[in-house]
């Protein structure tokens, strides 16, 4: 069983990280969306893990505690990353890709008068 506790930090952290990640990926790897899906999934997962580590480290430095409690997990890596979530981050990357490529471009047309 995977246990979790929701934190408001997570909304800011994952939202900001997702927005920045796709801009960074598009800038440094412009053809990434043409890659086979399994390579894109690994790239998204690695990006999410890097952000998770960065934000866990920064939030702990600022507040004295990390929002995600991986310390108790036997699979923790450097206190801020848990490889047990690899499958969810792998899939979540494709959810973010769909939002980035399919939903965001049509928003101006949906909300225009």
N, C-alpha and C. Protein backbone atom coordinates (compact mmCIF):
# COMPACT_ATOMS: atom_id res chain seq x y z
N UNK A 1 0.83 -1.19 0.00
CA UNK A 1 0.00 0.00 0.00
C UNK A 1 0.87 1.24 0.00
N UNK A 2 0.46 2.20 -0.80
CA UNK A 2 1.15 3.48 -0.82
C UNK A 2 0.36 4.47 0.02
N UNK A 3 0.98 4.98 1.05
CA UNK A 3 0.32 5.94 1.93
C UNK A 3 0.67 7.35 1.48
N UNK A 4 -0.28 8.26 1.69
CA UNK A 4 0.02 9.65 1.33
C UNK A 4 -0.72 10.59 2.27
N UNK A 5 -0.24 11.81 2.34
CA UNK A 5 -0.88 12.90 3.04
C UNK A 5 -0.90 14.07 2.08
N UNK A 6 -2.06 14.67 1.82
CA UNK A 6 -2.08 15.80 0.91
C UNK A 6 -1.56 17.07 1.56
N UNK A 7 -0.87 17.89 0.81
CA UNK A 7 -0.36 19.16 1.27
C UNK A 7 -0.66 20.22 0.22
N UNK A 8 -0.95 21.42 0.65
CA UNK A 8 -1.17 22.50 -0.30
C UNK A 8 0.09 22.83 -1.08
N UNK A 9 1.26 22.55 -0.49
CA UNK A 9 2.52 22.75 -1.20
C UNK A 9 2.51 21.98 -2.52
N UNK A 10 1.89 20.83 -2.52
CA UNK A 10 1.91 19.96 -3.70
C UNK A 10 1.27 20.63 -4.91
N UNK A 11 0.21 21.39 -4.70
CA UNK A 11 -0.43 22.09 -5.82
C UNK A 11 0.53 23.05 -6.49
N UNK A 12 1.18 23.85 -5.68
CA UNK A 12 2.15 24.82 -6.21
C UNK A 12 3.34 24.10 -6.84
N UNK A 13 3.89 23.15 -6.13
CA UNK A 13 5.09 22.45 -6.58
C UNK A 13 4.86 21.73 -7.90
N UNK A 14 3.84 20.91 -7.97
CA UNK A 14 3.62 20.12 -9.18
C UNK A 14 3.09 20.96 -10.33
N UNK A 15 2.27 21.96 -10.04
CA UNK A 15 1.78 22.84 -11.10
C UNK A 15 2.91 23.65 -11.72
N UNK A 16 3.72 24.27 -10.89
CA UNK A 16 4.85 25.05 -11.38
C UNK A 16 5.86 24.16 -12.09
N UNK A 17 6.14 23.02 -11.53
CA UNK A 17 7.10 22.10 -12.13
C UNK A 17 6.63 21.60 -13.49
N UNK A 18 5.35 21.29 -13.60
CA UNK A 18 4.81 20.81 -14.88
C UNK A 18 4.91 21.90 -15.94
N UNK A 19 4.54 23.12 -15.57
CA UNK A 19 4.60 24.21 -16.53
C UNK A 19 6.03 24.47 -16.99
N UNK A 20 6.96 24.47 -16.05
CA UNK A 20 8.36 24.72 -16.40
C UNK A 20 8.97 23.55 -17.17
N UNK A 21 8.62 22.35 -16.80
CA UNK A 21 9.23 21.17 -17.42
C UNK A 21 9.00 21.12 -18.92
N UNK A 22 7.78 21.33 -19.34
CA UNK A 22 7.51 21.24 -20.77
C UNK A 22 8.18 22.36 -21.54
N UNK A 23 8.30 23.53 -20.95
CA UNK A 23 9.02 24.62 -21.62
C UNK A 23 10.51 24.27 -21.74
N UNK A 24 11.07 23.71 -20.70
CA UNK A 24 12.48 23.32 -20.72
C UNK A 24 12.70 22.18 -21.72
N UNK A 25 11.81 21.18 -21.68
CA UNK A 25 11.94 20.05 -22.61
C UNK A 25 11.83 20.51 -24.05
N UNK A 26 10.86 21.37 -24.34
CA UNK A 26 10.70 21.87 -25.71
C UNK A 26 11.90 22.71 -26.16
N UNK A 27 12.50 23.43 -25.23
CA UNK A 27 13.65 24.26 -25.58
C UNK A 27 14.89 23.42 -25.88
N UNK A 28 15.20 22.46 -25.03
CA UNK A 28 16.43 21.69 -25.17
C UNK A 28 16.29 20.44 -26.03
N UNK A 29 15.09 19.93 -26.18
CA UNK A 29 14.83 18.75 -27.02
C UNK A 29 13.61 19.02 -27.88
N UNK A 30 13.74 19.85 -28.91
CA UNK A 30 12.56 20.26 -29.68
C UNK A 30 11.80 19.11 -30.34
N UNK A 31 12.42 18.00 -30.61
CA UNK A 31 11.74 16.88 -31.25
C UNK A 31 11.24 15.83 -30.28
N UNK A 32 11.17 16.15 -29.01
CA UNK A 32 10.84 15.15 -27.99
C UNK A 32 9.47 14.51 -28.20
N UNK A 33 8.51 15.27 -28.73
CA UNK A 33 7.17 14.71 -28.88
C UNK A 33 7.08 13.73 -30.04
N UNK A 34 8.13 13.63 -30.82
CA UNK A 34 8.19 12.63 -31.90
C UNK A 34 8.90 11.35 -31.44
N UNK A 35 9.48 11.38 -30.25
CA UNK A 35 10.14 10.19 -29.72
C UNK A 35 9.11 9.09 -29.49
N UNK A 36 9.54 7.82 -29.46
CA UNK A 36 8.62 6.74 -29.09
C UNK A 36 8.07 6.99 -27.67
N UNK A 37 6.86 6.55 -27.43
CA UNK A 37 6.18 6.83 -26.17
C UNK A 37 6.96 6.36 -24.95
N UNK A 38 7.64 5.21 -25.05
CA UNK A 38 8.35 4.68 -23.88
C UNK A 38 9.55 5.54 -23.52
N UNK A 39 10.23 6.15 -24.50
CA UNK A 39 11.33 7.07 -24.19
C UNK A 39 10.80 8.37 -23.58
N UNK A 40 9.67 8.86 -24.12
CA UNK A 40 9.07 10.07 -23.55
C UNK A 40 8.66 9.82 -22.11
N UNK A 41 8.10 8.66 -21.84
CA UNK A 41 7.69 8.33 -20.48
C UNK A 41 8.85 8.35 -19.51
N UNK A 42 9.98 7.81 -19.93
CA UNK A 42 11.18 7.83 -19.08
C UNK A 42 11.67 9.26 -18.87
N UNK A 43 11.64 10.07 -19.94
CA UNK A 43 12.06 11.47 -19.81
C UNK A 43 11.15 12.23 -18.86
N UNK A 44 9.84 12.01 -18.97
CA UNK A 44 8.90 12.69 -18.07
C UNK A 44 9.11 12.24 -16.63
N UNK A 45 9.28 10.94 -16.44
CA UNK A 45 9.48 10.41 -15.10
C UNK A 45 10.74 10.99 -14.48
N UNK A 46 11.82 11.03 -15.24
CA UNK A 46 13.08 11.59 -14.72
C UNK A 46 12.91 13.07 -14.38
N UNK A 47 12.21 13.79 -15.22
CA UNK A 47 11.97 15.21 -14.96
C UNK A 47 11.17 15.40 -13.67
N UNK A 48 10.13 14.60 -13.49
CA UNK A 48 9.32 14.70 -12.27
C UNK A 48 10.15 14.37 -11.04
N UNK A 49 10.97 13.34 -11.13
CA UNK A 49 11.83 12.99 -9.99
C UNK A 49 12.83 14.11 -9.67
N UNK A 50 13.38 14.74 -10.69
CA UNK A 50 14.31 15.85 -10.45
C UNK A 50 13.60 17.00 -9.76
N UNK A 51 12.41 17.35 -10.22
CA UNK A 51 11.65 18.42 -9.57
C UNK A 51 11.26 18.03 -8.15
N UNK A 52 10.85 16.79 -7.97
CA UNK A 52 10.45 16.33 -6.64
C UNK A 52 11.62 16.44 -5.66
N UNK A 53 12.79 16.05 -6.12
CA UNK A 53 13.97 16.16 -5.27
C UNK A 53 14.27 17.63 -4.97
N UNK A 54 14.28 18.46 -6.00
CA UNK A 54 14.59 19.89 -5.83
C UNK A 54 13.62 20.54 -4.85
N UNK A 55 12.31 20.36 -5.07
CA UNK A 55 11.33 21.01 -4.21
C UNK A 55 11.34 20.45 -2.80
N UNK A 56 11.52 19.15 -2.65
CA UNK A 56 11.62 18.58 -1.30
C UNK A 56 12.78 19.17 -0.53
N UNK A 57 13.91 19.29 -1.18
CA UNK A 57 15.11 19.87 -0.57
C UNK A 57 14.89 21.34 -0.21
N UNK A 58 14.30 22.13 -1.15
CA UNK A 58 14.10 23.56 -0.91
C UNK A 58 13.05 23.81 0.18
N UNK A 59 11.95 23.08 0.12
CA UNK A 59 10.89 23.29 1.12
C UNK A 59 11.38 22.90 2.50
N UNK A 60 12.15 21.83 2.58
CA UNK A 60 12.71 21.44 3.89
C UNK A 60 13.69 22.48 4.39
N UNK A 61 14.48 23.07 3.49
CA UNK A 61 15.41 24.12 3.91
C UNK A 61 14.67 25.36 4.40
N UNK A 62 13.52 25.66 3.80
CA UNK A 62 12.76 26.86 4.18
C UNK A 62 11.88 26.65 5.41
N UNK A 63 11.26 25.47 5.51
CA UNK A 63 10.28 25.26 6.58
C UNK A 63 10.74 24.31 7.67
N UNK A 64 11.80 23.57 7.41
CA UNK A 64 12.28 22.62 8.40
C UNK A 64 11.69 21.23 8.25
N UNK A 65 10.76 21.05 7.33
CA UNK A 65 10.17 19.74 7.08
C UNK A 65 9.83 19.58 5.60
N UNK A 66 9.86 18.37 5.15
CA UNK A 66 9.54 18.09 3.75
C UNK A 66 8.08 17.65 3.68
N UNK A 67 7.30 18.18 2.74
CA UNK A 67 5.88 17.81 2.66
C UNK A 67 5.64 16.33 2.42
N UNK A 68 6.46 15.68 1.62
CA UNK A 68 6.26 14.26 1.40
C UNK A 68 7.17 13.50 2.35
N UNK A 69 6.58 12.58 3.06
CA UNK A 69 7.26 11.87 4.14
C UNK A 69 7.83 10.54 3.66
N UNK A 70 8.89 10.60 2.90
CA UNK A 70 9.51 9.36 2.40
C UNK A 70 10.52 8.80 3.39
N UNK A 71 10.77 9.48 4.47
CA UNK A 71 11.77 9.00 5.44
C UNK A 71 11.41 7.63 5.98
N UNK A 72 10.11 7.38 6.15
CA UNK A 72 9.66 6.10 6.70
C UNK A 72 9.62 5.00 5.64
N UNK A 73 9.74 5.36 4.38
CA UNK A 73 9.62 4.38 3.30
C UNK A 73 10.94 3.61 3.12
N UNK A 74 10.85 2.30 2.95
CA UNK A 74 12.09 1.53 2.74
C UNK A 74 12.72 1.81 1.38
N UNK A 75 11.96 2.41 0.44
CA UNK A 75 12.50 2.64 -0.89
C UNK A 75 12.96 4.06 -1.15
N UNK A 76 13.11 4.83 -0.09
CA UNK A 76 13.46 6.24 -0.30
C UNK A 76 14.86 6.39 -0.89
N UNK A 77 15.06 7.47 -1.64
CA UNK A 77 16.35 7.81 -2.20
C UNK A 77 16.63 9.24 -1.79
N UNK A 78 17.64 9.47 -1.03
CA UNK A 78 18.04 10.81 -0.56
C UNK A 78 16.90 11.57 0.10
N UNK A 79 16.03 10.90 0.80
CA UNK A 79 14.93 11.46 1.58
C UNK A 79 13.81 12.10 0.78
N UNK A 80 14.02 12.51 -0.44
CA UNK A 80 13.03 13.28 -1.17
C UNK A 80 12.42 12.55 -2.36
N UNK A 81 12.92 11.41 -2.72
CA UNK A 81 12.46 10.68 -3.90
C UNK A 81 12.16 9.24 -3.49
N UNK A 82 11.04 8.72 -4.00
CA UNK A 82 10.68 7.34 -3.72
C UNK A 82 10.45 6.60 -5.04
N UNK A 83 11.31 5.66 -5.39
CA UNK A 83 11.16 4.96 -6.66
C UNK A 83 9.91 4.09 -6.75
N UNK A 84 9.22 3.85 -5.64
CA UNK A 84 7.98 3.07 -5.70
C UNK A 84 6.92 3.77 -6.53
N UNK A 85 7.05 5.06 -6.72
CA UNK A 85 6.07 5.82 -7.49
C UNK A 85 6.42 5.93 -8.97
N UNK A 86 7.41 5.19 -9.44
CA UNK A 86 7.86 5.33 -10.83
C UNK A 86 6.72 5.15 -11.83
N UNK A 87 5.86 4.18 -11.61
CA UNK A 87 4.78 3.92 -12.56
C UNK A 87 3.79 5.07 -12.61
N UNK A 88 3.51 5.68 -11.45
CA UNK A 88 2.54 6.78 -11.45
C UNK A 88 3.14 8.02 -12.11
N UNK A 89 4.43 8.29 -11.90
CA UNK A 89 5.06 9.44 -12.54
C UNK A 89 5.22 9.19 -14.04
N UNK A 90 5.48 7.96 -14.41
CA UNK A 90 5.58 7.60 -15.83
C UNK A 90 4.25 7.92 -16.53
N UNK A 91 3.16 7.48 -15.95
CA UNK A 91 1.83 7.72 -16.54
C UNK A 91 1.42 9.19 -16.42
N UNK A 92 1.72 9.81 -15.30
CA UNK A 92 1.36 11.21 -15.09
C UNK A 92 2.02 12.12 -16.12
N UNK A 93 3.21 11.76 -16.57
CA UNK A 93 3.88 12.52 -17.62
C UNK A 93 3.04 12.58 -18.88
N UNK A 94 2.36 11.51 -19.22
CA UNK A 94 1.50 11.51 -20.41
C UNK A 94 0.22 12.31 -20.19
N UNK A 95 -0.26 12.34 -18.97
CA UNK A 95 -1.41 13.20 -18.66
C UNK A 95 -1.01 14.66 -18.87
N UNK A 96 0.17 15.02 -18.36
CA UNK A 96 0.66 16.39 -18.55
C UNK A 96 0.93 16.69 -20.02
N UNK A 97 1.43 15.71 -20.76
CA UNK A 97 1.67 15.90 -22.19
C UNK A 97 0.34 16.17 -22.90
N UNK A 98 -0.68 15.41 -22.58
CA UNK A 98 -1.99 15.62 -23.18
C UNK A 98 -2.51 17.02 -22.89
N UNK A 99 -2.41 17.43 -21.64
CA UNK A 99 -2.85 18.78 -21.27
C UNK A 99 -2.05 19.82 -22.03
N UNK A 100 -0.75 19.65 -22.10
CA UNK A 100 0.12 20.62 -22.75
C UNK A 100 -0.12 20.70 -24.26
N UNK A 101 -0.26 19.56 -24.90
CA UNK A 101 -0.39 19.54 -26.36
C UNK A 101 -1.82 19.67 -26.88
N UNK A 102 -2.79 19.19 -26.13
CA UNK A 102 -4.16 19.14 -26.65
C UNK A 102 -5.12 20.13 -25.99
N UNK A 103 -5.01 20.32 -24.68
CA UNK A 103 -5.98 21.17 -24.00
C UNK A 103 -5.59 22.64 -23.96
N UNK A 104 -4.36 22.93 -23.60
CA UNK A 104 -3.94 24.33 -23.48
C UNK A 104 -4.06 25.08 -24.81
N UNK A 105 -3.67 24.49 -25.95
CA UNK A 105 -3.81 25.23 -27.21
C UNK A 105 -5.25 25.60 -27.58
N UNK A 106 -6.25 24.84 -27.14
CA UNK A 106 -7.63 25.16 -27.50
C UNK A 106 -8.34 26.04 -26.48
N UNK A 107 -7.73 26.30 -25.33
CA UNK A 107 -8.37 27.13 -24.32
C UNK A 107 -8.75 28.52 -24.83
N UNK A 108 -7.88 29.22 -25.58
CA UNK A 108 -8.30 30.55 -26.06
C UNK A 108 -9.55 30.50 -26.93
N UNK A 109 -9.73 29.45 -27.72
CA UNK A 109 -10.91 29.37 -28.57
C UNK A 109 -12.17 29.02 -27.77
N UNK A 110 -12.01 28.29 -26.69
CA UNK A 110 -13.16 27.90 -25.88
C UNK A 110 -13.70 29.11 -25.12
N UNK A 111 -12.80 29.96 -24.62
CA UNK A 111 -13.21 31.09 -23.79
C UNK A 111 -13.36 32.40 -24.55
N UNK A 112 -13.19 32.39 -25.86
CA UNK A 112 -13.35 33.64 -26.61
C UNK A 112 -14.83 33.88 -26.91
N UNK A 113 -15.22 35.14 -26.95
CA UNK A 113 -16.66 35.45 -27.16
C UNK A 113 -17.12 35.16 -28.56
